[in-house]
Amino acid sequence: MKRKTDIVTFKVDETLLEAMQGLSNRSHFIRSAILAALDNVCPLCKGSGLLTPNQQEHWSRFSESHTVEECENCNELHLVCNNRPQGRRSFKHVW
């Protein structure tokens, strides 16, 4: 028989516990928050905030032809390929 769910528990401080008191379905809220956070995890470090030595080597080679720049429209940082023709260096938001 296939088990549908596993139970995961974690500790929270008093402030977070109080903030969650008014939620009608805390489990659903926590699951949704975790899934949303996983959608935004760095594809290289997988959320650890650190690169392995091999990943650092790959990044070093990649960054020889790419830069991290601030978007003129939204001010967020993004990668820019420096091998593109000058007129098409970065993504332009269309909103």
PDB file of N, CA and C in Angstrom:
ATOM      1  N   MET A   1       0.843  -1.179   0.000  1.00  0.00           N
ATOM      2  CA  MET A   1       0.000   0.000   0.000  1.00  0.00           C
ATOM      3  C   MET A   1       0.895   1.251   0.000  1.00  0.00           C
ATOM      4  N   LYS A   2       0.579   2.175  -0.857  1.00  0.00           N
ATOM      5  CA  LYS A   2       1.352   3.411  -0.977  1.00  0.00           C
ATOM      6  C   LYS A   2       0.949   4.387   0.128  1.00  0.00           C
ATOM      7  N   ARG A   3       1.966   4.896   0.838  1.00  0.00           N
ATOM      8  CA  ARG A   3       1.706   5.861   1.897  1.00  0.00           C
ATOM      9  C   ARG A   3       1.507   7.235   1.267  1.00  0.00           C
ATOM     10  N   LYS A   4       0.426   7.917   1.640  1.00  0.00           N
ATOM     11  CA  LYS A   4       0.092   9.190   1.033  1.00  0.00           C
ATOM     12  C   LYS A   4       0.927  10.349   1.561  1.00  0.00           C
ATOM     13  N   THR A   5       1.190  10.391   2.839  1.00  0.00           N
ATOM     14  CA  THR A   5       1.867  11.551   3.416  1.00  0.00           C
ATOM     15  C   THR A   5       2.886  11.149   4.460  1.00  0.00           C
ATOM     16  N   ASP A   6       3.833  12.005   4.659  1.00  0.00           N
ATOM     17  CA  ASP A   6       4.762  11.915   5.767  1.00  0.00           C
ATOM     18  C   ASP A   6       4.496  13.120   6.651  1.00  0.00           C
ATOM     19  N   ILE A   7       4.815  13.009   7.909  1.00  0.00           N
ATOM     20  CA  ILE A   7       4.643  14.115   8.839  1.00  0.00           C
ATOM     21  C   ILE A   7       5.999  14.746   9.090  1.00  0.00           C
ATOM     22  N   VAL A   8       6.043  16.063   8.934  1.00  0.00           N
ATOM     23  CA  VAL A   8       7.254  16.833   9.199  1.00  0.00           C
ATOM     24  C   VAL A   8       6.908  17.851  10.271  1.00  0.00           C
ATOM     25  N   THR A   9       7.706  17.910  11.308  1.00  0.00           N
ATOM     26  CA  THR A   9       7.481  18.893  12.358  1.00  0.00           C
ATOM     27  C   THR A   9       8.673  19.823  12.452  1.00  0.00           C
ATOM     28  N   PHE A  10       8.434  21.026  12.925  1.00  0.00           N
ATOM     29  CA  PHE A  10       9.519  21.971  13.128  1.00  0.00           C
ATOM     30  C   PHE A  10       9.129  22.935  14.239  1.00  0.00           C
ATOM     31  N   LYS A  11      10.124  23.537  14.829  1.00  0.00           N
ATOM     32  CA  LYS A  11       9.909  24.481  15.915  1.00  0.00           C
ATOM     33  C   LYS A  11       9.761  25.887  15.356  1.00  0.00           C
ATOM     34  N   VAL A  12       8.915  26.681  15.996  1.00  0.00           N
ATOM     35  CA  VAL A  12       8.753  28.083  15.636  1.00  0.00           C
ATOM     36  C   VAL A  12       8.872  28.921  16.899  1.00  0.00           C
ATOM     37  N   ASP A  13       9.290  30.175  16.727  1.00  0.00           N
ATOM     38  CA  ASP A  13       9.351  31.056  17.886  1.00  0.00           C
ATOM     39  C   ASP A  13       7.949  31.584  18.198  1.00  0.00           C
ATOM     40  N   GLU A  14       7.821  32.235  19.323  1.00  0.00           N
ATOM     41  CA  GLU A  14       6.510  32.687  19.791  1.00  0.00           C
ATOM     42  C   GLU A  14       5.867  33.677  18.825  1.00  0.00           C
ATOM     43  N   THR A  15       6.663  34.538  18.220  1.00  0.00           N
ATOM     44  CA  THR A  15       6.131  35.536  17.287  1.00  0.00           C
ATOM     45  C   THR A  15       5.489  34.871  16.073  1.00  0.00           C
ATOM     46  N   LEU A  16       6.167  33.875  15.503  1.00  0.00           N
ATOM     47  CA  LEU A  16       5.607  33.178  14.356  1.00  0.00           C
ATOM     48  C   LEU A  16       4.360  32.387  14.751  1.00  0.00           C
ATOM     49  N   LEU A  17       4.388  31.764  15.901  1.00  0.00           N
ATOM     50  CA  LEU A  17       3.225  31.012  16.374  1.00  0.00           C
ATOM     51  C   LEU A  17       2.016  31.932  16.526  1.00  0.00           C
ATOM     52  N   GLU A  18       2.226  33.108  17.094  1.00  0.00           N
ATOM     53  CA  GLU A  18       1.132  34.071  17.243  1.00  0.00           C
ATOM     54  C   GLU A  18       0.618  34.533  15.886  1.00  0.00           C
ATOM     55  N   ALA A  19       1.521  34.756  14.938  1.00  0.00           N
ATOM     56  CA  ALA A  19       1.110  35.205  13.604  1.00  0.00           C
ATOM     57  C   ALA A  19       0.275  34.149  12.892  1.00  0.00           C
ATOM     58  N   MET A  20       0.516  32.891  13.195  1.00  0.00           N
ATOM     59  CA  MET A  20      -0.200  31.799  12.533  1.00  0.00           C
ATOM     60  C   MET A  20      -1.512  31.448  13.233  1.00  0.00           C
ATOM     61  N   GLN A  21      -1.796  32.024  14.387  1.00  0.00           N
ATOM     62  CA  GLN A  21      -2.983  31.651  15.165  1.00  0.00           C
ATOM     63  C   GLN A  21      -4.286  31.857  14.397  1.00  0.00           C
ATOM     64  N   GLY A  22      -4.399  32.896  13.603  1.00  0.00           N
ATOM     65  CA  GLY A  22      -5.649  33.192  12.910  1.00  0.00           C
ATOM     66  C   GLY A  22      -5.874  32.387  11.641  1.00  0.00           C
ATOM     67  N   LEU A  23      -4.905  31.577  11.237  1.00  0.00           N
ATOM     68  CA  LEU A  23      -5.058  30.809  10.000  1.00  0.00           C
ATOM     69  C   LEU A  23      -6.030  29.654  10.215  1.00  0.00           C
ATOM     70  N   SER A  24      -6.960  29.500   9.273  1.00  0.00           N
ATOM     71  CA  SER A  24      -7.943  28.420   9.427  1.00  0.00           C
ATOM     72  C   SER A  24      -7.341  27.048   9.141  1.00  0.00           C
ATOM     73  N   ASN A  25      -6.334  26.995   8.260  1.00  0.00           N
ATOM     74  CA  ASN A  25      -5.708  25.714   7.918  1.00  0.00           C
ATOM     75  C   ASN A  25      -4.198  25.925   7.853  1.00  0.00           C
ATOM     76  N   ARG A  26      -3.544  25.834   9.008  1.00  0.00           N
ATOM     77  CA  ARG A  26      -2.105  26.084   9.068  1.00  0.00           C
ATOM     78  C   ARG A  26      -1.311  25.111   8.211  1.00  0.00           C
ATOM     79  N   SER A  27      -1.721  23.863   8.169  1.00  0.00           N
ATOM     80  CA  SER A  27      -0.996  22.870   7.369  1.00  0.00           C
ATOM     81  C   SER A  27      -0.999  23.248   5.896  1.00  0.00           C
ATOM     82  N   HIS A  28      -2.154  23.642   5.385  1.00  0.00           N
ATOM     83  CA  HIS A  28      -2.249  24.056   3.984  1.00  0.00           C
ATOM     84  C   HIS A  28      -1.385  25.289   3.737  1.00  0.00           C
ATOM     85  N   PHE A  29      -1.441  26.259   4.651  1.00  0.00           N
ATOM     86  CA  PHE A  29      -0.650  27.479   4.510  1.00  0.00           C
ATOM     87  C   PHE A  29       0.843  27.154   4.477  1.00  0.00           C
ATOM     88  N   ILE A  30       1.295  26.304   5.384  1.00  0.00           N
ATOM     89  CA  ILE A  30       2.718  25.934   5.460  1.00  0.00           C
ATOM     90  C   ILE A  30       3.136  25.187   4.197  1.00  0.00           C
ATOM     91  N   ARG A  31       2.323  24.214   3.744  1.00  0.00           N
ATOM     92  CA  ARG A  31       2.637  23.495   2.507  1.00  0.00           C
ATOM     93  C   ARG A  31       2.747  24.452   1.330  1.00  0.00           C
ATOM     94  N   SER A  32       1.803  25.379   1.210  1.00  0.00           N
ATOM     95  CA  SER A  32       1.809  26.347   0.111  1.00  0.00           C
ATOM     96  C   SER A  32       3.033  27.254   0.172  1.00  0.00           C
ATOM     97  N   ALA A  33       3.391  27.695   1.373  1.00  0.00           N
ATOM     98  CA  ALA A  33       4.558  28.567   1.536  1.00  0.00           C
ATOM     99  C   ALA A  33       5.842  27.839   1.168  1.00  0.00           C
ATOM    100  N   ILE A  34       5.949  26.584   1.561  1.00  0.00           N
ATOM    101  CA  ILE A  34       7.149  25.800   1.243  1.00  0.00           C
ATOM    102  C   ILE A  34       7.244  25.572  -0.265  1.00  0.00           C
ATOM    103  N   LEU A  35       6.131  25.218  -0.903  1.00  0.00           N
ATOM    104  CA  LEU A  35       6.147  25.005  -2.352  1.00  0.00           C
ATOM    105  C   LEU A  35       6.503  26.294  -3.090  1.00  0.00           C
ATOM    106  N   ALA A  36       5.976  27.428  -2.652  1.00  0.00           N
ATOM    107  CA  ALA A  36       6.301  28.707  -3.280  1.00  0.00           C
ATOM    108  C   ALA A  36       7.784  29.024  -3.110  1.00  0.00           C
ATOM    109  N   ALA A  37       8.317  28.761  -1.931  1.00  0.00           N
ATOM    110  CA  ALA A  37       9.742  29.017  -1.686  1.00  0.00           C
ATOM    111  C   ALA A  37      10.605  28.109  -2.550  1.00  0.00           C
ATOM    112  N   LEU A  38      10.212  26.866  -2.728  1.00  0.00           N
ATOM    113  CA  LEU A  38      10.989  25.932  -3.552  1.00  0.00           C
ATOM    114  C   LEU A  38      10.995  26.350  -5.018  1.00  0.00           C
ATOM    115  N   ASP A  39       9.955  27.034  -5.474  1.00  0.00           N
ATOM    116  CA  ASP A  39       9.919  27.532  -6.855  1.00  0.00           C
ATOM    117  C   ASP A  39      10.941  28.641  -7.082  1.00  0.00           C
ATOM    118  N   ASN A  40      11.421  29.250  -6.000  1.00  0.00           N
ATOM    119  CA  ASN A  40      12.339  30.381  -6.109  1.00  0.00           C
ATOM    120  C   ASN A  40      13.742  30.062  -5.605  1.00  0.00           C
ATOM    121  N   VAL A  41      14.076  28.793  -5.529  1.00  0.00           N
ATOM    122  CA  VAL A  41      15.397  28.388  -5.058  1.00  0.00           C
ATOM    123  C   VAL A  41      16.420  28.560  -6.175  1.00  0.00           C
ATOM    124  N   CYS A  42      17.593  29.029  -5.813  1.00  0.00           N
ATOM    125  CA  CYS A  42      18.679  29.192  -6.784  1.00  0.00           C
ATOM    126  C   CYS A  42      18.959  27.846  -7.454  1.00  0.00           C
ATOM    127  N   PRO A  43      19.015  27.834  -8.786  1.00  0.00           N
ATOM    128  CA  PRO A  43      19.244  26.563  -9.482  1.00  0.00           C
ATOM    129  C   PRO A  43      20.659  26.009  -9.278  1.00  0.00           C
ATOM    130  N   LEU A  44      21.599  26.837  -8.871  1.00  0.00           N
ATOM    131  CA  LEU A  44      22.961  26.346  -8.652  1.00  0.00           C
ATOM    132  C   LEU A  44      23.156  25.803  -7.241  1.00  0.00           C
ATOM    133  N   CYS A  45      22.855  26.629  -6.236  1.00  0.00           N
ATOM    134  CA  CYS A  45      23.153  26.216  -4.858  1.00  0.00           C
ATOM    135  C   CYS A  45      22.002  25.460  -4.221  1.00  0.00           C
ATOM    136  N   LYS A  46      20.842  25.424  -4.872  1.00  0.00           N
ATOM    137  CA  LYS A  46      19.647  24.743  -4.355  1.00  0.00           C
ATOM    138  C   LYS A  46      19.231  25.278  -2.994  1.00  0.00           C
ATOM    139  N   GLY A  47      19.463  26.586  -2.796  1.00  0.00           N
ATOM    140  CA  GLY A  47      19.012  27.229  -1.572  1.00  0.00           C
ATOM    141  C   GLY A  47      20.004  27.244  -0.422  1.00  0.00           C
ATOM    142  N   SER A  48      21.175  26.647  -0.619  1.00  0.00           N
ATOM    143  CA  SER A  48      22.147  26.609   0.472  1.00  0.00           C
ATOM    144  C   SER A  48      22.880  27.936   0.629  1.00  0.00           C
ATOM    145  N   GLY A  49      22.936  28.708  -0.451  1.00  0.00           N
ATOM    146  CA  GLY A  49      23.670  29.963  -0.425  1.00  0.00           C
ATOM    147  C   GLY A  49      25.158  29.791  -0.677  1.00  0.00           C
ATOM    148  N   LEU A  50      25.578  28.575  -0.935  1.00  0.00           N
ATOM    149  CA  LEU A  50      26.992  28.276  -1.166  1.00  0.00           C
ATOM    150  C   LEU A  50      27.162  27.455  -2.430  1.00  0.00           C
ATOM    151  N   LEU A  51      28.256  27.700  -3.144  1.00  0.00           N
ATOM    152  CA  LEU A  51      28.595  26.888  -4.305  1.00  0.00           C
ATOM    153  C   LEU A  51      29.704  25.919  -3.928  1.00  0.00           C
ATOM    154  N   THR A  52      29.631  24.714  -4.462  1.00  0.00           N
ATOM    155  CA  THR A  52      30.698  23.748  -4.245  1.00  0.00           C
ATOM    156  C   THR A  52      31.930  24.211  -5.036  1.00  0.00           C
ATOM    157  N   PRO A  53      33.094  23.673  -4.754  1.00  0.00           N
ATOM    158  CA  PRO A  53      34.275  24.042  -5.537  1.00  0.00           C
ATOM    159  C   PRO A  53      34.084  23.824  -7.041  1.00  0.00           C
ATOM    160  N   ASN A  54      33.442  22.734  -7.433  1.00  0.00           N
ATOM    161  CA  ASN A  54      33.194  22.497  -8.860  1.00  0.00           C
ATOM    162  C   ASN A  54      32.224  23.534  -9.431  1.00  0.00           C
ATOM    163  N   GLN A  55      31.173  23.873  -8.677  1.00  0.00           N
ATOM    164  CA  GLN A  55      30.245  24.898  -9.137  1.00  0.00           C
ATOM    165  C   GLN A  55      30.939  26.249  -9.243  1.00  0.00           C
ATOM    166  N   GLN A  56      31.836  26.564  -8.329  1.00  0.00           N
ATOM    167  CA  GLN A  56      32.591  27.812  -8.382  1.00  0.00           C
ATOM    168  C   GLN A  56      33.440  27.868  -9.645  1.00  0.00           C
ATOM    169  N   GLU A  57      34.014  26.742 -10.017  1.00  0.00           N
ATOM    170  CA  GLU A  57      34.809  26.681 -11.244  1.00  0.00           C
ATOM    171  C   GLU A  57      33.929  26.936 -12.472  1.00  0.00           C
ATOM    172  N   HIS A  58      32.752  26.297 -12.507  1.00  0.00           N
ATOM    173  CA  HIS A  58      31.821  26.514 -13.616  1.00  0.00           C
ATOM    174  C   HIS A  58      31.382  27.978 -13.653  1.00  0.00           C
ATOM    175  N   TRP A  59      31.069  28.546 -12.491  1.00  0.00           N
ATOM    176  CA  TRP A  59      30.640  29.936 -12.429  1.00  0.00           C
ATOM    177  C   TRP A  59      31.748  30.865 -12.921  1.00  0.00           C
ATOM    178  N   SER A  60      32.966  30.566 -12.540  1.00  0.00           N
ATOM    179  CA  SER A  60      34.098  31.391 -12.951  1.00  0.00           C
ATOM    180  C   SER A  60      34.202  31.432 -14.482  1.00  0.00           C
ATOM    181  N   ARG A  61      34.072  30.276 -15.117  1.00  0.00           N
ATOM    182  CA  ARG A  61      34.124  30.228 -16.583  1.00  0.00           C
ATOM    183  C   ARG A  61      32.921  30.953 -17.196  1.00  0.00           C
ATOM    184  N   PHE A  62      31.756  30.740 -16.629  1.00  0.00           N
ATOM    185  CA  PHE A  62      30.532  31.367 -17.129  1.00  0.00           C
ATOM    186  C   PHE A  62      30.633  32.888 -17.021  1.00  0.00           C
ATOM    187  N   SER A  63      31.175  33.376 -15.909  1.00  0.00           N
ATOM    188  CA  SER A  63      31.214  34.818 -15.673  1.00  0.00           C
ATOM    189  C   SER A  63      32.250  35.538 -16.529  1.00  0.00           C
ATOM    190  N   GLU A  64      33.075  34.793 -17.245  1.00  0.00           N
ATOM    191  CA  GLU A  64      34.003  35.428 -18.177  1.00  0.00           C
ATOM    192  C   GLU A  64      33.250  36.095 -19.322  1.00  0.00           C
ATOM    193  N   SER A  65      32.087  35.578 -19.686  1.00  0.00           N
ATOM    194  CA  SER A  65      31.317  36.147 -20.790  1.00  0.00           C
ATOM    195  C   SER A  65      29.931  36.628 -20.359  1.00  0.00           C
ATOM    196  N   HIS A  66      29.694  36.677 -19.064  1.00  0.00           N
ATOM    197  CA  HIS A  66      28.406  37.133 -18.541  1.00  0.00           C
ATOM    198  C   HIS A  66      28.649  38.061 -17.353  1.00  0.00           C
ATOM    199  N   THR A  67      27.727  38.986 -17.150  1.00  0.00           N
ATOM    200  CA  THR A  67      27.808  39.869 -15.995  1.00  0.00           C
ATOM    201  C   THR A  67      26.477  39.861 -15.264  1.00  0.00           C
ATOM    202  N   VAL A  68      26.517  40.261 -14.015  1.00  0.00           N
ATOM    203  CA  VAL A  68      25.306  40.468 -13.234  1.00  0.00           C
ATOM    204  C   VAL A  68      25.060  41.969 -13.231  1.00  0.00           C
ATOM    205  N   GLU A  69      23.896  42.370 -13.749  1.00  0.00           N
ATOM    206  CA  GLU A  69      23.586  43.790 -13.869  1.00  0.00           C
ATOM    207  C   GLU A  69      22.206  44.084 -13.297  1.00  0.00           C
ATOM    208  N   GLU A  70      21.981  45.334 -12.985  1.00  0.00           N
ATOM    209  CA  GLU A  70      20.683  45.771 -12.481  1.00  0.00           C
ATOM    210  C   GLU A  70      19.786  46.131 -13.660  1.00  0.00           C
ATOM    211  N   CYS A  71      18.574  45.636 -13.661  1.00  0.00           N
ATOM    212  CA  CYS A  71      17.604  45.925 -14.711  1.00  0.00           C
ATOM    213  C   CYS A  71      17.202  47.393 -14.633  1.00  0.00           C
ATOM    214  N   GLU A  72      17.175  48.056 -15.785  1.00  0.00           N
ATOM    215  CA  GLU A  72      16.792  49.467 -15.840  1.00  0.00           C
ATOM    216  C   GLU A  72      15.312  49.674 -15.523  1.00  0.00           C
ATOM    217  N   ASN A  73      14.479  48.641 -15.719  1.00  0.00           N
ATOM    218  CA  ASN A  73      13.037  48.769 -15.519  1.00  0.00           C
ATOM    219  C   ASN A  73      12.582  48.405 -14.112  1.00  0.00           C
ATOM    220  N   CYS A  74      13.073  47.285 -13.591  1.00  0.00           N
ATOM    221  CA  CYS A  74      12.576  46.814 -12.296  1.00  0.00           C
ATOM    222  C   CYS A  74      13.630  46.873 -11.194  1.00  0.00           C
ATOM    223  N   ASN A  75      14.870  47.211 -11.556  1.00  0.00           N
ATOM    224  CA  ASN A  75      15.991  47.325 -10.609  1.00  0.00           C
ATOM    225  C   ASN A  75      16.414  46.004  -9.973  1.00  0.00           C
ATOM    226  N   GLU A  76      15.947  44.887 -10.511  1.00  0.00           N
ATOM    227  CA  GLU A  76      16.385  43.577 -10.012  1.00  0.00           C
ATOM    228  C   GLU A  76      17.674  43.185 -10.717  1.00  0.00           C
ATOM    229  N   LEU A  77      18.498  42.393 -10.040  1.00  0.00           N
ATOM    230  CA  LEU A  77      19.713  41.875 -10.655  1.00  0.00           C
ATOM    231  C   LEU A  77      19.366  40.744 -11.605  1.00  0.00           C
ATOM    232  N   HIS A  78      20.091  40.650 -12.708  1.00  0.00           N
ATOM    233  CA  HIS A  78      19.879  39.572 -13.670  1.00  0.00           C
ATOM    234  C   HIS A  78      21.178  39.327 -14.417  1.00  0.00           C
ATOM    235  N   LEU A  79      21.267  38.174 -15.074  1.00  0.00           N
ATOM    236  CA  LEU A  79      22.453  37.821 -15.845  1.00  0.00           C
ATOM    237  C   LEU A  79      22.352  38.393 -17.251  1.00  0.00           C
ATOM    238  N   VAL A  80      23.466  38.894 -17.750  1.00  0.00           N
ATOM    239  CA  VAL A  80      23.520  39.438 -19.100  1.00  0.00           C
ATOM    240  C   VAL A  80      24.653  38.752 -19.847  1.00  0.00           C
ATOM    241  N   CYS A  81      24.343  38.233 -21.029  1.00  0.00           N
ATOM    242  CA  CYS A  81      25.349  37.608 -21.881  1.00  0.00           C
ATOM    243  C   CYS A  81      26.070  38.709 -22.643  1.00  0.00           C
ATOM    244  N   ASN A  82      27.355  38.808 -22.465  1.00  0.00           N
ATOM    245  CA  ASN A  82      28.134  39.848 -23.132  1.00  0.00           C
ATOM    246  C   ASN A  82      28.498  39.477 -24.569  1.00  0.00           C
ATOM    247  N   ASN A  83      28.077  38.306 -25.037  1.00  0.00           N
ATOM    248  CA  ASN A  83      28.335  37.882 -26.408  1.00  0.00           C
ATOM    249  C   ASN A  83      27.200  38.269 -27.349  1.00  0.00           C
ATOM    250  N   ARG A  84      26.121  38.857 -26.822  1.00  0.00           N
ATOM    251  CA  ARG A  84      24.989  39.267 -27.639  1.00  0.00           C
ATOM    252  C   ARG A  84      25.324  40.547 -28.390  1.00  0.00           C
ATOM    253  N   PRO A  85      24.647  40.771 -29.508  1.00  0.00           N
ATOM    254  CA  PRO A  85      24.820  42.062 -30.199  1.00  0.00           C
ATOM    255  C   PRO A  85      24.438  43.204 -29.260  1.00  0.00           C
ATOM    256  N   GLN A  86      25.086  44.321 -29.356  1.00  0.00           N
ATOM    257  CA  GLN A  86      24.945  45.444 -28.429  1.00  0.00           C
ATOM    258  C   GLN A  86      23.491  45.880 -28.239  1.00  0.00           C
ATOM    259  N   GLY A  87      22.683  45.855 -29.275  1.00  0.00           N
ATOM    260  CA  GLY A  87      21.307  46.310 -29.167  1.00  0.00           C
ATOM    261  C   GLY A  87      20.397  45.371 -28.406  1.00  0.00           C
ATOM    262  N   ARG A  88      20.816  44.158 -28.169  1.00  0.00           N
ATOM    263  CA  ARG A  88      19.960  43.167 -27.507  1.00  0.00           C
ATOM    264  C   ARG A  88      20.669  42.564 -26.305  1.00  0.00           C
ATOM    265  N   ARG A  89      21.219  43.364 -25.434  1.00  0.00           N
ATOM    266  CA  ARG A  89      21.999  42.856 -24.310  1.00  0.00           C
ATOM    267  C   ARG A  89      21.141  42.278 -23.199  1.00  0.00           C
ATOM    268  N   SER A  90      19.935  42.821 -22.967  1.00  0.00           N
ATOM    269  CA  SER A  90      19.181  42.337 -21.826  1.00  0.00           C
ATOM    270  C   SER A  90      17.690  42.261 -22.143  1.00  0.00           C
ATOM    271  N   PHE A  91      16.996  41.550 -21.288  1.00  0.00           N
ATOM    272  CA  PHE A  91      15.562  41.369 -21.379  1.00  0.00           C
ATOM    273  C   PHE A  91      14.866  42.691 -21.061  1.00  0.00           C
ATOM    274  N   LYS A  92      13.874  43.049 -21.830  1.00  0.00           N
ATOM    275  CA  LYS A  92      13.083  44.262 -21.559  1.00  0.00           C
ATOM    276  C   LYS A  92      11.694  43.839 -21.090  1.00  0.00           C
ATOM    277  N   HIS A  93      11.304  44.363 -19.946  1.00  0.00           N
ATOM    278  CA  HIS A  93       9.957  44.084 -19.436  1.00  0.00           C
ATOM    279  C   HIS A  93       8.918  44.755 -20.328  1.00  0.00           C
ATOM    280  N   VAL A  94       7.786  44.081 -20.483  1.00  0.00           N
ATOM    281  CA  VAL A  94       6.725  44.629 -21.325  1.00  0.00           C
ATOM    282  C   VAL A  94       5.440  44.699 -20.504  1.00  0.00           C
ATOM    283  N   TRP A  95       5.486  45.361 -19.368  1.00  0.00           N
ATOM    284  CA  TRP A  95       4.249  45.514 -18.595  1.00  0.00           C
ATOM    285  C   TRP A  95       3.894  46.894 -18.410  1.00  0.00           C
TER     286      TRP A  95
END
